[in-house]
């Protein structure tokens, strides 16, 4: 346990950020799972892409990881349209 006031504040801040990041990461993963299922609508894919962009912008995930996931979603969407 920290004794210095600034260290206590940093600990509070990091716990709040950790909870926020966990919630955002969970929402992102859920949206990706919904977008990847066979009968996913265009709206679900759009929401997943939007969350990926926002997560990359805020530093939750790396920008290349977001680009890779978006590419996978685009491939799945193209494959679904052909079938």
Protein backbone atom coordinates (compact mmCIF):
# COMPACT_ATOMS: atom_id res chain seq x y z
CA UNK A 1 0.00 0.00 0.00
CA UNK A 2 1.44 3.38 -0.93
CA UNK A 3 2.14 5.97 1.74
CA UNK A 4 2.69 9.01 -0.46
CA UNK A 5 -0.41 10.93 -1.49
CA UNK A 6 0.51 11.09 -5.16
CA UNK A 7 1.14 7.34 -5.21
CA UNK A 8 -2.28 6.76 -3.63
CA UNK A 9 -3.89 8.93 -6.28
CA UNK A 10 -2.01 7.12 -9.07
CA UNK A 11 -3.24 3.81 -7.70
CA UNK A 12 -6.84 5.05 -7.69
CA UNK A 13 -6.45 6.32 -11.24
CA UNK A 14 -4.92 3.09 -12.49
CA UNK A 15 -7.69 1.00 -10.90
CA UNK A 16 -10.34 3.18 -12.54
CA UNK A 17 -8.57 2.97 -15.90
CA UNK A 18 -8.20 -0.80 -15.52
CA UNK A 19 -11.94 -1.20 -14.92
CA UNK A 20 -12.75 1.07 -17.86
CA UNK A 21 -10.35 -0.79 -20.16
CA UNK A 22 -11.73 -4.15 -19.08
CA UNK A 23 -15.29 -3.05 -19.88
CA UNK A 24 -14.31 -1.60 -23.26
CA UNK A 25 -12.26 -4.67 -24.20
CA UNK A 26 -15.16 -6.93 -23.25
CA UNK A 27 -17.61 -4.88 -25.35
CA UNK A 28 -15.19 -5.01 -28.28
CA UNK A 29 -14.78 -8.78 -28.05
CA UNK A 30 -18.54 -9.29 -27.83
CA UNK A 31 -19.13 -7.09 -30.89
CA UNK A 32 -16.47 -9.00 -32.84
CA UNK A 33 -18.01 -12.34 -31.94
CA UNK A 34 -21.46 -11.13 -33.04
CA UNK A 35 -20.03 -9.78 -36.31
CA UNK A 36 -18.21 -13.03 -37.12
CA UNK A 37 -21.19 -15.40 -36.89
CA UNK A 38 -22.69 -16.65 -40.14
CA UNK A 39 -25.88 -14.59 -40.17
CA UNK A 40 -24.36 -11.32 -38.96
CA UNK A 41 -26.06 -8.18 -40.24
CA UNK A 42 -24.25 -5.26 -41.84
CA UNK A 43 -25.18 -3.19 -38.79
CA UNK A 44 -23.34 -5.58 -36.45
CA UNK A 45 -20.26 -5.46 -38.67
CA UNK A 46 -20.41 -1.65 -38.80
CA UNK A 47 -20.62 -1.49 -35.01
CA UNK A 48 -17.63 -3.81 -34.66
CA UNK A 49 -15.55 -1.75 -37.10
CA UNK A 50 -16.49 1.43 -35.25
CA UNK A 51 -15.46 -0.09 -31.92
CA UNK A 52 -12.18 -1.29 -33.44
CA UNK A 53 -11.40 2.20 -34.73
CA UNK A 54 -12.25 3.81 -31.41
CA UNK A 55 -10.24 1.24 -29.45
CA UNK A 56 -7.19 1.80 -31.65
CA UNK A 57 -7.51 5.58 -31.40
CA UNK A 58 -7.69 5.43 -27.60
CA UNK A 59 -4.80 2.98 -27.32
CA UNK A 60 -6.82 0.04 -26.05
CA UNK A 61 -5.48 -2.09 -28.90
CA UNK A 62 -2.70 -1.47 -31.40
CA UNK A 63 -3.69 0.20 -34.67
CA UNK A 64 -2.32 -2.70 -36.72
CA UNK A 65 -4.34 -5.17 -34.66
CA UNK A 66 -7.46 -3.13 -35.40
CA UNK A 67 -6.61 -3.03 -39.11
CA UNK A 68 -6.07 -6.79 -39.13
CA UNK A 69 -9.44 -7.43 -37.46
CA UNK A 70 -11.20 -5.05 -39.86
CA UNK A 71 -9.65 -6.89 -42.78
CA UNK A 72 -10.89 -10.21 -41.43
CA UNK A 73 -14.40 -8.79 -41.04
CA UNK A 74 -14.33 -7.43 -44.60
CA UNK A 75 -13.29 -10.82 -45.93
CA UNK A 76 -16.10 -12.52 -44.03
CA UNK A 77 -18.61 -9.97 -45.33
CA UNK A 78 -17.47 -10.49 -48.91
CA UNK A 79 -17.66 -14.25 -48.49
CA UNK A 80 -21.19 -13.96 -47.04
CA UNK A 81 -22.33 -11.84 -49.98
CA UNK A 82 -21.07 -14.38 -52.50
CA UNK A 83 -22.90 -17.26 -50.87
